[in-house]
N, C-alpha and C. Protein backbone atom coordinates (compact mmCIF):
# COMPACT_ATOMS: atom_id res chain seq x y z
N UNK A 1 0.79 -1.19 0.03
CA UNK A 1 0.00 -0.07 -0.25
C UNK A 1 0.94 1.15 -0.05
N UNK A 2 2.15 1.02 0.22
CA UNK A 2 2.99 2.29 0.13
C UNK A 2 3.09 2.92 -1.13
N UNK A 3 2.65 2.25 -2.27
CA UNK A 3 2.51 2.83 -3.64
C UNK A 3 1.58 3.60 -3.82
N UNK A 4 0.36 3.55 -3.00
CA UNK A 4 -0.72 4.23 -3.40
C UNK A 4 -0.36 5.71 -3.31
N UNK A 5 -1.14 6.47 -4.34
CA UNK A 5 -0.86 8.01 -4.36
C UNK A 5 -1.88 8.49 -3.31
N UNK A 6 -1.53 9.74 -2.73
CA UNK A 6 -2.28 10.38 -1.71
C UNK A 6 -3.12 11.27 -2.82
N UNK A 7 -4.42 11.37 -2.20
CA UNK A 7 -5.60 12.13 -3.19
C UNK A 7 -5.16 13.38 -2.88
N UNK A 8 -5.50 14.31 -4.11
CA UNK A 8 -5.02 15.79 -4.11
C UNK A 8 -6.18 16.45 -3.25
N UNK A 9 -5.74 17.54 -2.73
CA UNK A 9 -6.66 18.40 -1.97
C UNK A 9 -7.38 19.39 -2.86
N UNK A 10 -8.83 19.26 -2.94
CA UNK A 10 -9.25 20.26 -3.68
C UNK A 10 -9.01 21.52 -3.26
N UNK A 11 -8.85 22.56 -4.03
CA UNK A 11 -8.83 24.19 -3.74
C UNK A 11 -10.11 24.87 -4.05
N UNK A 12 -10.23 25.71 -3.19
CA UNK A 12 -11.50 26.48 -3.33
C UNK A 12 -11.24 27.35 -4.69
N UNK A 13 -12.04 27.87 -5.55
CA UNK A 13 -11.97 28.53 -6.67
C UNK A 13 -11.70 30.10 -6.37
N UNK A 14 -10.82 30.55 -7.04
CA UNK A 14 -10.45 31.87 -6.55
C UNK A 14 -11.59 32.82 -6.93
N UNK A 15 -11.83 33.83 -6.34
CA UNK A 15 -12.78 34.83 -6.62
C UNK A 15 -12.36 35.86 -7.49
N UNK A 16 -13.21 36.05 -8.40
CA UNK A 16 -12.67 37.03 -9.54
C UNK A 16 -13.56 38.16 -9.45
N UNK A 17 -13.21 39.38 -9.64
CA UNK A 17 -14.01 40.64 -9.80
C UNK A 17 -14.63 40.41 -11.02
N UNK A 18 -16.00 40.88 -11.22
CA UNK A 18 -16.76 40.81 -12.43
C UNK A 18 -16.11 41.71 -13.52
N UNK A 19 -16.21 41.11 -14.71
CA UNK A 19 -15.52 41.77 -15.75
C UNK A 19 -16.17 42.89 -15.98
N UNK A 20 -15.42 44.02 -16.64
CA UNK A 20 -16.13 45.55 -16.92
C UNK A 20 -17.00 45.22 -18.07
N UNK A 21 -18.11 46.18 -18.13
CA UNK A 21 -19.04 45.87 -19.41
C UNK A 21 -18.15 46.29 -20.52
N UNK A 22 -18.48 45.72 -21.60
CA UNK A 22 -17.63 46.08 -23.00
C UNK A 22 -18.00 47.39 -23.37
N UNK A 23 -16.96 48.15 -23.84
CA UNK A 23 -16.93 49.40 -24.33
C UNK A 23 -17.32 49.56 -25.66
N UNK A 24 -18.25 50.31 -26.04
CA UNK A 24 -18.90 50.53 -27.28
C UNK A 24 -17.91 51.18 -28.28
N UNK A 25 -17.46 50.54 -29.26
CA UNK A 25 -16.46 51.43 -30.15
C UNK A 25 -17.29 52.09 -31.10
N UNK A 26 -16.81 53.17 -31.52
CA UNK A 26 -17.30 54.04 -32.72
C UNK A 26 -17.36 53.11 -34.00
N UNK A 27 -18.55 53.14 -34.78
CA UNK A 27 -18.53 52.38 -35.86
C UNK A 27 -17.55 52.65 -36.93
N UNK A 28 -16.98 51.54 -37.58
CA UNK A 28 -15.97 51.71 -38.52
C UNK A 28 -16.47 52.26 -39.64
N UNK A 29 -15.90 53.45 -40.08
CA UNK A 29 -16.50 54.22 -41.47
C UNK A 29 -16.09 53.29 -42.67
N UNK A 30 -17.06 53.19 -43.63
CA UNK A 30 -16.98 52.32 -44.62
C UNK A 30 -16.55 53.14 -45.78
N UNK A 31 -15.44 52.76 -46.55
CA UNK A 31 -14.93 53.70 -47.81
C UNK A 31 -16.16 53.80 -48.95
N UNK A 32 -16.38 54.91 -49.31
CA UNK A 32 -17.20 55.39 -50.29
C UNK A 32 -16.41 55.00 -51.59
N UNK A 33 -17.28 54.59 -52.47
CA UNK A 33 -16.49 54.17 -53.79
C UNK A 33 -16.34 55.62 -54.49
N UNK A 34 -15.16 55.57 -54.99
CA UNK A 34 -14.86 56.94 -55.82
C UNK A 34 -15.17 56.64 -57.06
N UNK A 35 -15.89 57.84 -57.84
CA UNK A 35 -16.25 57.73 -59.00
C UNK A 35 -14.66 58.11 -60.04
N UNK A 36 -14.67 57.11 -60.97
CA UNK A 36 -13.73 57.16 -61.88
C UNK A 36 -14.02 58.22 -62.97
N UNK A 37 -13.15 59.50 -62.91
CA UNK A 37 -13.53 60.55 -64.05
C UNK A 37 -13.18 59.94 -65.32
N UNK A 38 -14.03 60.42 -66.21
CA UNK A 38 -13.64 60.24 -67.76
C UNK A 38 -12.29 60.77 -67.97
N UNK A 39 -11.51 60.37 -68.82
CA UNK A 39 -10.14 61.09 -69.17
C UNK A 39 -10.45 61.83 -70.32
N UNK A 40 -10.00 63.00 -70.60
CA UNK A 40 -10.01 63.79 -71.79
C UNK A 40 -9.15 63.44 -72.81
N UNK A 41 -9.61 63.81 -73.90
CA UNK A 41 -8.73 63.25 -75.00
C UNK A 41 -7.17 63.88 -74.79
N UNK A 42 -6.33 63.15 -75.26
CA UNK A 42 -4.89 63.67 -75.09
C UNK A 42 -4.68 64.96 -75.79
N UNK A 43 -4.03 65.89 -74.97
CA UNK A 43 -3.58 67.29 -75.56
C UNK A 43 -2.25 67.15 -76.44
N UNK A 44 -2.40 67.82 -77.53
CA UNK A 44 -1.20 67.96 -78.12
C UNK A 44 -0.23 69.04 -77.69
N UNK A 45 0.85 68.66 -77.02
CA UNK A 45 1.65 69.63 -76.53
C UNK A 45 2.27 70.66 -77.64
N UNK A 46 2.33 71.93 -77.33
CA UNK A 46 2.77 73.00 -78.00
C UNK A 46 3.99 73.62 -77.50
N UNK A 47 4.83 74.40 -78.15
CA UNK A 47 5.95 75.14 -77.61
C UNK A 47 5.23 76.27 -76.73
N UNK A 48 4.18 76.87 -76.98
CA UNK A 48 3.55 78.17 -76.54
C UNK A 48 3.12 77.76 -75.41
N UNK A 49 2.58 76.46 -74.84
CA UNK A 49 1.98 76.24 -73.71
C UNK A 49 2.54 74.95 -72.98
N UNK A 50 3.56 75.55 -72.30
CA UNK A 50 4.38 74.42 -71.67
C UNK A 50 3.69 73.69 -70.44
N UNK A 51 2.67 74.30 -69.73
CA UNK A 51 1.95 73.90 -68.82
C UNK A 51 0.89 72.64 -69.11
N UNK A 52 0.37 72.85 -70.38
CA UNK A 52 -0.50 71.92 -71.02
C UNK A 52 0.46 70.68 -71.42
N UNK A 53 1.83 70.64 -71.58
CA UNK A 53 2.51 69.66 -72.03
C UNK A 53 2.72 68.64 -70.81
N UNK A 54 2.72 69.22 -69.45
CA UNK A 54 2.88 68.18 -68.38
C UNK A 54 1.71 67.61 -68.29
N UNK A 55 0.55 68.16 -68.46
CA UNK A 55 -0.78 67.59 -68.29
C UNK A 55 -1.23 66.53 -69.18
N UNK A 56 -0.67 66.84 -70.31
CA UNK A 56 -0.78 65.62 -71.54
C UNK A 56 0.16 64.37 -71.16
N UNK A 57 1.34 64.93 -70.69
CA UNK A 57 2.27 63.63 -70.17
C UNK A 57 1.64 62.81 -69.08
N UNK A 58 1.08 63.45 -68.01
CA UNK A 58 0.52 62.74 -67.02
C UNK A 58 -0.75 61.85 -67.61
N UNK A 59 -1.58 62.46 -68.51
CA UNK A 59 -2.69 61.66 -69.16
C UNK A 59 -2.10 60.42 -69.67
N UNK A 60 -1.07 60.75 -70.65
CA UNK A 60 -0.51 59.60 -71.26
C UNK A 60 -0.05 58.38 -70.52
N UNK A 61 0.81 58.98 -69.37
CA UNK A 61 1.21 57.96 -68.40
C UNK A 61 -0.08 57.05 -67.80
N UNK A 62 -1.06 57.80 -67.39
CA UNK A 62 -2.17 57.17 -66.81
C UNK A 62 -2.80 56.01 -67.92
N UNK A 63 -3.04 56.73 -68.81
CA UNK A 63 -3.66 55.65 -70.00
C UNK A 63 -2.58 54.56 -70.14
N UNK A 64 -1.41 54.75 -70.33
CA UNK A 64 -0.48 53.81 -70.60
C UNK A 64 -0.60 52.89 -69.47
N UNK A 65 -0.73 53.16 -68.20
CA UNK A 65 -0.70 52.41 -67.00
C UNK A 65 -2.20 51.42 -67.17
N UNK A 66 -3.13 52.13 -67.32
CA UNK A 66 -4.42 51.54 -67.49
C UNK A 66 -4.36 50.28 -68.63
N UNK A 67 -3.79 50.64 -69.68
CA UNK A 67 -3.81 49.70 -70.71
C UNK A 67 -2.76 48.49 -70.44
N UNK A 68 -1.82 48.89 -69.62
CA UNK A 68 -0.86 47.78 -69.37
C UNK A 68 -1.50 46.76 -68.21
N UNK A 69 -2.28 47.32 -67.30
CA UNK A 69 -2.91 46.57 -66.47
C UNK A 69 -3.97 45.82 -67.16
N UNK A 70 -4.69 46.12 -68.18
CA UNK A 70 -5.76 45.38 -68.94
C UNK A 70 -5.01 44.43 -69.60
N UNK A 71 -3.86 44.49 -70.09
CA UNK A 71 -3.15 43.44 -70.74
C UNK A 71 -2.70 42.50 -69.83
N UNK A 72 -2.15 42.87 -68.59
CA UNK A 72 -1.87 41.78 -67.47
C UNK A 72 -3.21 41.05 -67.19
N UNK A 73 -4.08 41.67 -67.10
CA UNK A 73 -5.47 40.88 -66.59
C UNK A 73 -5.93 39.97 -67.77
N UNK A 74 -5.81 40.30 -69.03
CA UNK A 74 -6.06 39.45 -70.12
C UNK A 74 -5.14 38.17 -70.22
N UNK A 75 -3.77 38.64 -70.07
CA UNK A 75 -2.81 37.52 -70.00
C UNK A 75 -3.09 36.55 -68.73
N UNK A 76 -3.49 36.90 -67.52
CA UNK A 76 -3.75 36.17 -66.43
C UNK A 76 -4.99 35.32 -66.68
N UNK A 77 -5.96 35.80 -67.40
CA UNK A 77 -7.23 35.00 -67.67
C UNK A 77 -6.89 33.95 -68.73
N UNK A 78 -6.04 34.30 -69.72
CA UNK A 78 -5.63 33.35 -70.66
C UNK A 78 -4.84 32.07 -69.92
N UNK A 79 -4.05 32.75 -68.95
CA UNK A 79 -3.34 31.49 -68.03
C UNK A 79 -4.06 30.74 -67.35
N UNK A 80 -5.09 31.14 -66.80
CA UNK A 80 -5.86 30.39 -66.12
C UNK A 80 -6.76 29.39 -66.98
N UNK A 81 -7.32 29.96 -67.97
CA UNK A 81 -7.93 28.90 -68.93
C UNK A 81 -7.12 27.71 -69.31
N UNK A 82 -5.77 28.15 -69.56
CA UNK A 82 -4.79 27.03 -70.10
C UNK A 82 -4.59 26.01 -68.82
N UNK A 83 -4.26 26.67 -67.65
CA UNK A 83 -4.13 25.71 -66.55
C UNK A 83 -5.41 24.84 -66.05
N UNK A 84 -6.61 25.30 -66.32
CA UNK A 84 -7.77 24.49 -66.27
C UNK A 84 -7.84 23.53 -67.27
N UNK A 85 -7.51 23.69 -68.37
CA UNK A 85 -7.54 22.71 -69.50
C UNK A 85 -6.40 21.48 -69.10
N UNK A 86 -5.30 21.98 -68.57
CA UNK A 86 -4.13 21.07 -68.22
C UNK A 86 -4.65 20.07 -67.14
N UNK A 87 -5.41 20.87 -66.06
CA UNK A 87 -5.89 20.03 -64.79
C UNK A 87 -6.95 19.16 -65.43
N UNK A 88 -7.72 19.42 -66.28
CA UNK A 88 -8.72 18.45 -66.86
C UNK A 88 -8.00 17.34 -67.52
N UNK A 89 -6.84 17.58 -68.37
CA UNK A 89 -6.38 16.48 -69.16
C UNK A 89 -5.61 15.67 -68.00
N UNK A 90 -4.99 16.09 -67.18
CA UNK A 90 -4.30 15.14 -66.29
C UNK A 90 -5.41 14.48 -65.30
N UNK A 91 -6.44 15.06 -65.14
CA UNK A 91 -7.60 14.30 -64.34
C UNK A 91 -8.04 13.12 -65.15
N UNK A 92 -8.34 13.47 -66.46
CA UNK A 92 -8.77 12.34 -67.39
C UNK A 92 -7.72 11.04 -67.50
N UNK A 93 -6.46 11.67 -67.69
CA UNK A 93 -5.30 10.58 -67.71
C UNK A 93 -5.43 9.86 -66.44
N UNK A 94 -5.50 10.27 -65.35
CA UNK A 94 -5.25 9.84 -63.87
C UNK A 94 -6.47 8.63 -63.86
N UNK A 95 -7.70 9.18 -64.14
CA UNK A 95 -8.69 8.26 -64.08
C UNK A 95 -8.58 7.03 -64.93
N UNK A 96 -8.24 7.23 -66.10
CA UNK A 96 -8.14 6.15 -67.23
C UNK A 96 -6.93 5.26 -66.89
N UNK A 97 -5.98 5.64 -66.21
CA UNK A 97 -4.66 4.96 -65.91
C UNK A 97 -5.35 4.04 -64.60
N UNK A 98 -6.05 4.64 -63.67
CA UNK A 98 -6.42 4.00 -62.50
C UNK A 98 -7.47 2.83 -62.81
N UNK A 99 -8.32 2.98 -63.61
CA UNK A 99 -9.17 1.92 -64.16
C UNK A 99 -8.42 0.96 -65.02
N UNK A 100 -7.42 1.23 -65.84
CA UNK A 100 -6.38 0.37 -66.42
C UNK A 100 -5.77 -0.62 -65.52
N UNK A 101 -5.30 0.20 -64.42
CA UNK A 101 -4.48 -0.65 -63.28
C UNK A 101 -5.36 -1.50 -62.68
N UNK A 102 -6.63 -0.98 -62.37
CA UNK A 102 -7.58 -2.11 -61.79
C UNK A 102 -7.79 -3.37 -62.67
N UNK A 103 -8.15 -2.92 -64.07
CA UNK A 103 -8.36 -4.03 -64.98
C UNK A 103 -7.05 -5.04 -64.84
N UNK A 104 -5.84 -4.33 -65.10
CA UNK A 104 -4.72 -5.34 -65.08
C UNK A 104 -4.51 -6.06 -63.95
N UNK A 105 -4.77 -5.50 -62.60
CA UNK A 105 -4.75 -6.42 -61.32
C UNK A 105 -5.63 -7.34 -61.30
N UNK A 106 -6.96 -7.23 -61.88
CA UNK A 106 -7.92 -8.20 -61.97
C UNK A 106 -7.39 -9.50 -62.86
N UNK A 107 -6.97 -8.85 -64.12
CA UNK A 107 -6.25 -10.09 -64.92
C UNK A 107 -5.22 -10.61 -64.37
N UNK A 108 -4.31 -10.05 -63.69
CA UNK A 108 -3.15 -10.72 -62.97
C UNK A 108 -3.70 -11.55 -62.03
N UNK A 109 -4.63 -11.40 -61.25
CA UNK A 109 -5.21 -12.38 -60.38
C UNK A 109 -5.64 -13.53 -60.83
N UNK A 110 -6.29 -13.48 -62.07
CA UNK A 110 -6.80 -14.56 -62.89
C UNK A 110 -6.00 -15.28 -63.79
N UNK A 111 -4.62 -14.96 -63.55
CA UNK A 111 -3.53 -15.63 -64.40
C UNK A 111 -3.20 -17.08 -63.78
N UNK A 112 -3.18 -18.00 -64.79
CA UNK A 112 -3.17 -19.37 -63.96
C UNK A 112 -1.54 -19.87 -64.11
N UNK A 113 -0.92 -19.19 -65.00
CA UNK A 113 0.70 -19.62 -65.26
C UNK A 113 1.54 -18.54 -64.89
N UNK A 114 2.60 -18.61 -64.83
CA UNK A 114 3.65 -17.59 -64.66
C UNK A 114 3.62 -16.75 -65.93
N UNK A 115 3.90 -17.34 -67.13
CA UNK A 115 3.99 -16.85 -68.31
C UNK A 115 2.78 -16.08 -68.71
N UNK A 116 1.56 -16.50 -68.30
CA UNK A 116 0.38 -15.59 -68.35
C UNK A 116 0.50 -14.30 -67.55
N UNK A 117 0.88 -14.40 -66.42
CA UNK A 117 1.03 -13.28 -65.59
C UNK A 117 2.08 -12.13 -66.06
N UNK A 118 3.20 -12.79 -66.68
CA UNK A 118 4.06 -11.90 -67.41
C UNK A 118 3.47 -11.22 -68.59
N UNK A 119 2.69 -11.99 -69.31
CA UNK A 119 2.03 -11.31 -70.55
C UNK A 119 1.05 -10.14 -70.11
N UNK A 120 0.37 -10.57 -69.16
CA UNK A 120 -0.72 -9.47 -68.82
C UNK A 120 -0.08 -8.09 -68.21
N UNK A 121 1.14 -8.46 -67.44
CA UNK A 121 1.85 -7.25 -67.21
C UNK A 121 2.76 -6.64 -68.07
N UNK A 122 3.05 -7.03 -69.24
CA UNK A 122 3.60 -6.44 -70.26
C UNK A 122 2.50 -5.61 -71.04
N UNK A 123 1.41 -6.42 -71.32
CA UNK A 123 0.35 -5.71 -71.85
C UNK A 123 -0.18 -4.32 -71.21
N UNK A 124 -0.10 -4.47 -69.93
CA UNK A 124 -0.48 -3.28 -69.08
C UNK A 124 0.55 -2.28 -69.22
N UNK A 125 1.87 -2.62 -69.21
CA UNK A 125 2.84 -1.76 -69.47
C UNK A 125 2.89 -1.06 -70.71
N UNK A 126 2.53 -1.71 -71.63
CA UNK A 126 2.40 -1.08 -73.06
C UNK A 126 1.28 -0.31 -73.10
N UNK A 127 0.02 -0.54 -72.44
CA UNK A 127 -1.10 0.31 -72.64
C UNK A 127 -0.78 1.58 -71.83
N UNK A 128 -0.28 1.71 -70.79
CA UNK A 128 0.27 2.62 -70.04
C UNK A 128 1.16 3.51 -70.46
N UNK A 129 2.15 2.99 -71.09
CA UNK A 129 3.31 4.01 -71.68
C UNK A 129 2.48 4.61 -73.04
N UNK A 130 1.80 3.92 -73.84
CA UNK A 130 0.93 4.51 -74.93
C UNK A 130 0.03 5.60 -74.36
N UNK A 131 -0.55 5.45 -73.34
CA UNK A 131 -1.53 6.46 -72.81
C UNK A 131 -0.74 7.69 -72.12
N UNK A 132 0.65 7.42 -71.57
CA UNK A 132 1.42 8.44 -71.20
C UNK A 132 2.06 9.33 -72.37
N UNK A 133 2.28 8.67 -73.48
CA UNK A 133 2.79 9.36 -74.40
C UNK A 133 1.62 10.35 -74.98
N UNK A 134 0.74 9.70 -75.22
CA UNK A 134 -0.59 10.58 -75.91
C UNK A 134 -0.89 11.53 -74.88
N UNK A 135 -0.93 11.51 -73.51
CA UNK A 135 -1.55 12.52 -72.60
C UNK A 135 -0.27 13.62 -72.51
N UNK A 136 1.02 13.15 -72.60
CA UNK A 136 1.94 14.29 -72.71
C UNK A 136 1.96 15.12 -73.97
N UNK A 137 1.56 14.25 -75.14
CA UNK A 137 1.26 15.27 -76.44
C UNK A 137 0.19 16.43 -76.22
N UNK A 138 -0.98 15.87 -75.62
CA UNK A 138 -2.10 16.65 -75.29
C UNK A 138 -1.68 17.83 -74.47
N UNK A 139 -0.86 17.48 -73.16
CA UNK A 139 -0.41 18.47 -72.41
C UNK A 139 0.59 19.54 -73.12
N UNK A 140 1.60 19.02 -73.80
CA UNK A 140 2.37 19.85 -74.56
C UNK A 140 1.64 20.73 -75.52
N UNK A 141 0.61 20.41 -76.13
CA UNK A 141 -0.21 21.33 -76.90
C UNK A 141 -1.17 22.50 -76.09
N UNK A 142 -1.60 21.83 -75.14
CA UNK A 142 -2.27 22.57 -74.26
C UNK A 142 -1.11 23.97 -73.72
N UNK A 143 -0.17 23.43 -73.21
CA UNK A 143 0.95 24.20 -72.68
C UNK A 143 1.39 25.29 -73.88
N UNK A 144 1.72 25.05 -75.01
CA UNK A 144 2.06 26.02 -76.21
C UNK A 144 0.83 26.87 -76.50
N UNK A 145 -0.38 26.32 -76.43
CA UNK A 145 -1.44 27.28 -76.59
C UNK A 145 -1.54 28.25 -75.77
N UNK A 146 -1.44 27.91 -74.37
CA UNK A 146 -1.47 28.70 -73.18
C UNK A 146 -0.56 29.78 -73.21
N UNK A 147 0.72 29.25 -73.50
CA UNK A 147 1.85 30.44 -73.46
C UNK A 147 1.65 31.32 -74.67
N UNK A 148 1.02 30.98 -75.63
CA UNK A 148 0.71 31.77 -76.89
C UNK A 148 -0.29 32.73 -76.52
N UNK A 149 -1.56 32.32 -75.91
CA UNK A 149 -2.52 33.21 -75.52
C UNK A 149 -2.19 34.09 -74.34
N UNK A 150 -1.36 33.65 -73.47
CA UNK A 150 -1.08 34.49 -72.38
C UNK A 150 -0.05 35.57 -72.72
N UNK A 151 0.71 35.28 -73.62
CA UNK A 151 1.87 36.39 -74.05
C UNK A 151 1.10 37.35 -75.27
N UNK A 152 0.27 37.12 -75.73
CA UNK A 152 -0.49 37.83 -76.68
C UNK A 152 -0.90 39.21 -76.38
N UNK A 153 -1.52 39.32 -75.28
CA UNK A 153 -1.86 40.85 -74.98
C UNK A 153 -0.71 41.57 -74.53
N UNK A 154 0.37 40.85 -73.84
CA UNK A 154 1.31 41.70 -73.41
C UNK A 154 2.38 42.09 -74.50
N UNK A 155 2.56 41.22 -75.55
CA UNK A 155 3.30 41.48 -76.58
C UNK A 155 2.47 42.49 -77.50
N UNK A 156 1.31 42.59 -77.65
CA UNK A 156 0.80 43.54 -78.57
C UNK A 156 0.78 45.00 -77.66
N UNK A 157 0.93 44.87 -76.41
CA UNK A 157 0.88 46.09 -75.52
C UNK A 157 2.22 46.77 -75.92
N UNK A 158 3.40 45.64 -75.90
CA UNK A 158 4.60 46.47 -76.02
C UNK A 158 4.77 46.98 -77.66
N UNK A 159 4.06 46.10 -78.73
CA UNK A 159 4.26 46.68 -79.96
C UNK A 159 3.41 48.15 -79.94
N UNK A 160 2.40 48.24 -79.31
CA UNK A 160 1.87 49.74 -79.15
C UNK A 160 2.62 50.72 -78.80
N UNK A 161 3.11 50.39 -77.67
CA UNK A 161 4.36 51.29 -76.77
C UNK A 161 5.31 51.55 -77.83
N UNK A 162 5.89 50.56 -78.60
CA UNK A 162 7.17 51.11 -79.50
C UNK A 162 6.51 51.91 -80.61
N UNK A 163 5.48 51.77 -80.90
CA UNK A 163 4.70 52.67 -82.04
C UNK A 163 4.44 54.16 -81.61
N UNK A 164 4.12 54.30 -80.26
CA UNK A 164 3.92 55.47 -79.73
C UNK A 164 5.16 56.25 -79.48
N UNK A 165 6.40 55.76 -79.24
CA UNK A 165 7.64 56.25 -79.01
C UNK A 165 8.25 57.03 -80.35
N UNK A 166 7.83 56.45 -81.55
CA UNK A 166 8.08 57.36 -82.93
C UNK A 166 9.64 57.39 -82.87
N UNK A 167 10.23 56.29 -82.87
CA UNK A 167 11.69 56.39 -82.83
C UNK A 167 12.16 55.96 -84.40
N UNK A 168 12.93 56.87 -84.76
CA UNK A 168 13.48 56.75 -86.11
C UNK A 168 13.18 57.65 -87.15
């Protein structure tokens, strides 16, 4: 009985002061949507009015920035579409390979001789390799199309930028 543990003595719970009532916070102001002003047509800078030249430059820079963001948004949308197509292809490939593996395992269980088991396994390997090559080709096509579609808005934006520089 020397090994028996002594019972713990219960302690009385500590008396706590009641919690103060919650302080009401001021409501958080919600931001108001700011209207986007329509941009005026770009002014042609002249030597007689240097103040208008800076306004035209700032307008051109703003318009250039908006067009650049639009091109980036188009490129991202094309990339997302391409990645969705890739995921769809990979999902289809995985499902078909899992079904083929189940069929191969069933056929392998039903094999009566070692030679028959080897033949079933070789057939499964051939079918899997052919499916892998076919799926890889589809993924390559999707990847090339995605890269082309995603780069098109950005490259066209660069082309427009070079035209506005009027070099040469």
